[in-house]
Amino acid sequence: MNQSSSSIILETKNLDIQVPGRTLIKDLNWTVREGERWCLIGRNGAGKSTLLRIIAGVQENTAPGDVFWQGQSLFNFDPEGLAKIRGYAEQSPIGGVGLRAIDAVLAARWPWHQEESGVERLELAMSALALCDVQHLALSQWQNLSGGERQRVALAACFAQNTRALILDEPTSHLDVGHQITLLNTLVERSESCGQTIIASLHEIGLIGRGFTHALLLLDDASYLSGTVAEIVNPANLEKSLGHPIVEARTSTGQIIYVAA
């Protein structure tokens, strides 16, 4: 997709991210376009999850700066309107006792409940569960699911929304390697086939090259590096972001990966 011709989905302008006593990210001016796949890289406590919650509209930001979705201020959206633009999966999804997997995914379709029948909603939910390989757990209760199964159900709920953008907080963290690769392949397919935008925090730096097009690297001094993976992802910049030496390697198939030295 030609970047100049693709539409802007998300913008932050002069955005500060703060927690009591310190600034995590300073003056973030960030533009995310349709179909791009962004990974957020940084140490624990660098502000990745806080930034994702703020742009998702699930956490209020009391620091300076603005967030815009499709050219409109975040403050102009009610919860249902925002849910029609972006899906959000938190780092450690929480579900109530007695909640079934299918219930969690059906709830994600609530903003469209007046526009579709119950049968249509169920078909979309089951398709999303199948996409994440948890359709066989549709009737299982949340408390009986493993951490990885909960993660895949939460991802299915995002997919069921069919939004312009997905915000995923460490979506691979609880997944085995097979489901990690399947998820990344799914994200690539969705962004390339229908222009869905992906914004995901990531700790597994070996996965950066498996489909992400852009990266936002958070640094210790509250500054950041932002650009295409080809431009800014390299051992030196990853070391600045993560505080540990990183080396570049190449697999037998030619895949570039990054590992701790």
Protein backbone atom coordinates (compact mmCIF):
# COMPACT_ATOMS: atom_id res chain seq x y z
CA MET A 1 0.00 0.00 0.00
CA ASN A 2 1.34 3.43 -0.91
CA GLN A 3 1.77 5.34 2.36
CA SER A 4 1.01 8.70 0.79
CA SER A 5 -2.33 7.49 -0.53
CA SER A 6 -3.45 5.52 2.52
CA SER A 7 -5.73 7.25 4.99
CA ILE A 8 -4.68 8.27 8.48
CA ILE A 9 -6.37 6.14 11.14
CA LEU A 10 -4.74 7.41 14.32
CA GLU A 11 -2.75 10.50 15.28
CA THR A 12 -1.25 11.64 18.54
CA LYS A 13 -0.17 15.26 18.84
CA ASN A 14 2.26 16.48 21.51
CA LEU A 15 1.08 13.61 23.71
CA ASP A 16 2.67 13.07 27.12
CA ILE A 17 2.21 9.82 29.03
CA GLN A 18 2.74 10.18 32.77
CA VAL A 19 2.45 8.19 35.96
CA PRO A 20 2.81 9.70 39.43
CA GLY A 21 6.29 11.07 39.78
CA ARG A 22 7.57 10.64 36.25
CA THR A 23 6.96 11.08 32.54
CA LEU A 24 7.07 7.85 30.53
CA ILE A 25 6.68 9.30 27.03
CA LYS A 26 7.24 12.93 26.13
CA ASP A 27 5.75 14.85 23.20
CA LEU A 28 4.63 11.88 21.12
CA ASN A 29 3.74 12.93 17.58
CA TRP A 30 2.75 9.72 15.90
CA THR A 31 0.79 8.97 12.73
CA VAL A 32 -0.66 5.54 11.96
CA ARG A 33 -2.13 4.83 8.53
CA GLU A 34 -4.54 2.30 7.15
CA GLY A 35 -3.09 -1.18 6.74
CA GLU A 36 0.10 -0.53 8.71
CA ARG A 37 1.22 -3.03 11.34
CA TRP A 38 2.97 -1.34 14.26
CA CYS A 39 4.89 -3.03 17.05
CA LEU A 40 5.65 -1.17 20.29
CA ILE A 41 8.97 -2.08 21.88
CA GLY A 42 10.34 -1.01 25.28
CA ARG A 43 11.38 -2.13 28.72
CA ASN A 44 8.95 -3.06 31.46
CA GLY A 45 7.44 0.17 32.73
CA ALA A 46 8.32 2.14 29.61
CA GLY A 47 4.68 3.04 29.00
CA LYS A 48 3.59 0.59 26.30
CA SER A 49 0.42 -0.63 28.03
CA THR A 50 -0.46 2.84 29.32
CA LEU A 51 -0.13 4.30 25.82
CA LEU A 52 -2.32 1.56 24.35
CA ARG A 53 -5.01 2.05 27.01
CA ILE A 54 -5.03 5.80 26.41
CA ILE A 55 -5.32 5.62 22.62
CA ALA A 56 -7.96 2.88 23.02
CA GLY A 57 -9.98 5.25 25.18
CA VAL A 58 -10.14 2.94 28.19
CA GLN A 59 -7.86 5.10 30.37
CA GLU A 60 -8.10 8.84 30.79
CA ASN A 61 -4.96 10.84 30.11
CA THR A 62 -4.52 13.82 32.43
CA ALA A 63 -1.21 14.89 30.83
CA PRO A 64 -0.94 17.28 27.86
CA GLY A 65 -1.59 16.13 24.30
CA ASP A 66 -4.32 14.94 21.95
CA VAL A 67 -5.44 11.68 20.35
CA PHE A 68 -7.38 11.62 17.08
CA TRP A 69 -9.17 8.70 15.43
CA GLN A 70 -9.92 9.26 11.74
CA GLY A 71 -9.41 12.99 12.23
CA GLN A 72 -11.77 13.31 15.20
CA SER A 73 -10.73 13.89 18.79
CA LEU A 74 -10.96 10.85 21.02
CA PHE A 75 -13.24 12.92 23.29
CA ASN A 76 -15.88 13.12 20.53
CA PHE A 77 -16.58 9.38 20.66
CA ASP A 78 -18.96 7.58 22.95
CA PRO A 79 -17.99 4.00 23.91
CA GLU A 80 -20.09 2.38 21.18
CA GLY A 81 -18.79 4.73 18.50
CA LEU A 82 -15.21 4.04 19.49
CA ALA A 83 -15.86 0.29 19.57
CA LYS A 84 -16.88 0.48 15.91
CA ILE A 85 -13.47 1.91 14.98
CA ARG A 86 -11.00 0.01 17.11
CA GLY A 87 -10.83 -3.32 18.88
CA TYR A 88 -8.77 -3.61 22.07
CA ALA A 89 -7.34 -6.67 23.80
CA GLU A 90 -5.66 -6.11 27.14
CA GLN A 91 -2.50 -7.85 28.30
CA SER A 92 -4.16 -10.20 30.81
CA PRO A 93 -7.84 -10.50 29.87
CA ILE A 94 -10.27 -10.86 32.75
CA GLY A 95 -13.65 -12.60 32.61
CA GLY A 96 -16.38 -13.13 35.16
CA VAL A 97 -17.18 -16.42 36.84
CA GLY A 98 -19.70 -18.30 34.74
CA LEU A 99 -18.87 -16.36 31.57
CA ARG A 100 -18.48 -18.66 28.58
CA ALA A 101 -16.01 -18.10 25.77
CA ILE A 102 -18.83 -17.50 23.29
CA ASP A 103 -20.35 -14.89 25.63
CA ALA A 104 -17.11 -12.89 25.66
CA VAL A 105 -17.02 -12.82 21.87
CA LEU A 106 -20.73 -12.08 21.43
CA ALA A 107 -20.33 -9.10 23.77
CA ALA A 108 -17.86 -7.60 21.30
CA ARG A 109 -20.67 -7.38 18.72
CA TRP A 110 -22.93 -5.35 21.04
CA PRO A 111 -22.43 -2.01 19.20
CA TRP A 112 -24.11 -3.59 16.15
CA HIS A 113 -26.96 -5.31 18.01
CA GLN A 114 -29.60 -3.20 16.26
CA GLU A 115 -28.12 -3.81 12.83
CA GLU A 116 -27.81 -7.59 12.75
CA SER A 117 -29.81 -10.62 13.80
CA GLY A 118 -28.87 -12.96 16.60
CA VAL A 119 -28.04 -15.64 14.04
CA GLU A 120 -25.66 -13.31 12.18
CA ARG A 121 -24.02 -12.31 15.44
CA LEU A 122 -23.52 -15.94 16.47
CA GLU A 123 -22.05 -16.85 13.07
CA LEU A 124 -19.55 -13.98 13.31
CA ALA A 125 -18.60 -14.98 16.84
CA MET A 126 -18.06 -18.62 15.94
CA SER A 127 -15.99 -17.66 12.88
CA ALA A 128 -13.78 -15.48 15.10
CA LEU A 129 -13.34 -18.30 17.61
CA ALA A 130 -12.37 -20.64 14.77
CA LEU A 131 -9.85 -18.10 13.48
CA CYS A 132 -8.15 -18.27 16.90
CA ASP A 133 -8.46 -22.07 17.20
CA VAL A 134 -10.80 -21.98 20.19
CA GLN A 135 -14.14 -22.79 18.55
CA HIS A 136 -14.16 -26.10 20.44
CA LEU A 137 -14.12 -24.10 23.68
CA ALA A 138 -17.13 -21.93 22.83
CA LEU A 139 -19.21 -23.25 25.73
CA SER A 140 -16.33 -23.50 28.21
CA GLN A 141 -16.43 -21.23 31.24
CA TRP A 142 -13.78 -18.54 31.51
CA GLN A 143 -12.37 -19.77 34.82
CA ASN A 144 -11.66 -23.18 33.26
CA LEU A 145 -9.56 -21.81 30.39
CA SER A 146 -5.77 -21.70 30.44
CA GLY A 147 -3.92 -18.40 30.08
CA GLY A 148 -3.25 -19.03 26.40
CA GLU A 149 -6.86 -20.03 25.75
CA ARG A 150 -8.11 -16.85 27.44
CA GLN A 151 -5.73 -14.82 25.29
CA ARG A 152 -7.06 -16.45 22.11
CA VAL A 153 -10.68 -15.88 23.16
CA ALA A 154 -9.89 -12.20 23.81
CA LEU A 155 -8.28 -11.97 20.38
CA ALA A 156 -11.35 -13.64 18.85
CA ALA A 157 -13.50 -10.93 20.45
CA CYS A 158 -11.34 -8.30 18.72
CA PHE A 159 -11.57 -10.06 15.38
CA ALA A 160 -15.35 -10.35 15.74
CA GLN A 161 -15.62 -6.55 15.89
CA ASN A 162 -14.26 -6.21 12.32
CA THR A 163 -12.96 -2.72 13.10
CA ARG A 164 -10.61 -0.47 11.14
CA ALA A 165 -7.88 -0.95 13.76
CA LEU A 166 -6.83 -3.48 16.38
CA ILE A 167 -4.95 -2.47 19.55
CA LEU A 168 -3.32 -5.53 21.11
CA ASP A 169 -1.35 -5.45 24.36
CA GLU A 170 1.25 -8.23 24.22
CA PRO A 171 -1.01 -10.55 22.19
CA THR A 172 1.67 -13.26 21.89
CA SER A 173 2.71 -13.35 25.56
CA HIS A 174 0.65 -16.36 26.68
CA LEU A 175 0.70 -18.25 23.39
CA ASP A 176 2.77 -21.27 22.40
CA VAL A 177 5.02 -20.78 19.39
CA GLY A 178 2.58 -22.35 16.93
CA HIS A 179 -0.25 -20.04 17.94
CA GLN A 180 2.12 -17.05 17.97
CA ILE A 181 3.02 -17.60 14.32
CA THR A 182 -0.59 -18.35 13.36
CA LEU A 183 -1.71 -15.11 15.01
CA LEU A 184 0.92 -13.03 13.23
CA ASN A 185 0.03 -14.64 9.89
CA THR A 186 -3.63 -13.81 10.55
CA LEU A 187 -2.81 -10.18 11.35
CA VAL A 188 -0.79 -9.87 8.13
CA GLU A 189 -3.58 -11.42 6.07
CA ARG A 190 -6.23 -9.13 7.55
CA SER A 191 -4.19 -5.97 7.05
CA GLU A 192 -3.27 -6.87 3.49
CA SER A 193 -6.72 -8.08 2.43
CA CYS A 194 -8.92 -5.39 3.99
CA GLY A 195 -6.55 -2.68 5.19
CA GLN A 196 -7.01 -3.38 8.89
CA THR A 197 -4.45 -1.49 10.99
CA ILE A 198 -2.57 -3.31 13.74
CA ILE A 199 -0.94 -1.73 16.81
CA ALA A 200 0.60 -4.27 19.18
CA SER A 201 3.06 -4.17 22.04
CA LEU A 202 5.64 -6.92 21.88
CA HIS A 203 8.30 -8.45 24.11
CA GLU A 204 9.33 -11.25 21.75
CA ILE A 205 11.78 -9.30 19.59
CA GLY A 206 12.38 -12.39 17.47
CA LEU A 207 8.88 -11.89 16.06
CA ILE A 208 9.35 -8.31 14.83
CA GLY A 209 10.32 -9.42 11.34
CA ARG A 210 7.36 -11.76 10.95
CA GLY A 211 4.92 -9.22 9.63
CA PHE A 212 5.26 -5.84 11.29
CA THR A 213 5.78 -2.93 8.93
CA HIS A 214 6.49 -0.16 11.47
CA ALA A 215 7.86 0.18 14.98
CA LEU A 216 7.63 2.60 17.88
CA LEU A 217 10.63 2.15 20.18
CA LEU A 218 10.31 3.72 23.63
CA LEU A 219 13.55 4.94 25.21
CA ASP A 220 14.64 5.48 28.81
CA ASP A 221 14.65 9.28 28.63
CA ALA A 222 10.94 9.41 27.64
CA SER A 223 11.89 9.95 24.00
CA TYR A 224 11.10 7.52 21.20
CA LEU A 225 12.02 6.32 17.73
CA SER A 226 9.28 5.90 15.16
CA GLY A 227 9.32 4.68 11.57
CA THR A 228 9.36 1.67 9.32
CA VAL A 229 10.94 -1.54 10.57
CA ALA A 230 13.59 -1.22 7.86
CA GLU A 231 14.46 2.29 9.02
CA ILE A 232 14.69 1.98 12.78
CA VAL A 233 14.79 -1.67 13.88
CA ASN A 234 18.42 -2.70 14.26
CA PRO A 235 20.57 -4.03 17.12
CA ALA A 236 21.78 -0.57 18.18
CA ASN A 237 18.29 0.93 18.46
CA LEU A 238 16.86 -2.16 20.12
CA GLU A 239 19.64 -1.99 22.70
CA LYS A 240 18.77 1.67 23.37
CA SER A 241 15.15 0.70 23.90
CA LEU A 242 15.63 -2.51 25.88
CA GLY A 243 18.83 -1.78 27.77
CA HIS A 244 20.55 -5.01 26.74
CA PRO A 245 22.86 -5.94 23.85
CA ILE A 246 20.97 -7.32 20.85
CA VAL A 247 22.34 -9.18 17.85
CA GLU A 248 20.87 -9.81 14.43
CA ALA A 249 20.70 -13.33 13.04
CA ARG A 250 19.29 -14.96 9.94
CA THR A 251 17.43 -18.26 9.78
CA SER A 252 17.99 -20.94 7.17
CA THR A 253 15.00 -19.56 5.27
CA GLY A 254 16.44 -16.05 5.21
CA GLN A 255 14.27 -14.64 7.99
CA ILE A 256 16.00 -11.86 9.97
CA ILE A 257 15.54 -12.22 13.71
CA TYR A 258 16.83 -10.35 16.75
CA VAL A 259 18.03 -12.07 19.89
CA ALA A 260 19.63 -11.05 23.18
CA ALA A 261 23.42 -11.22 23.03
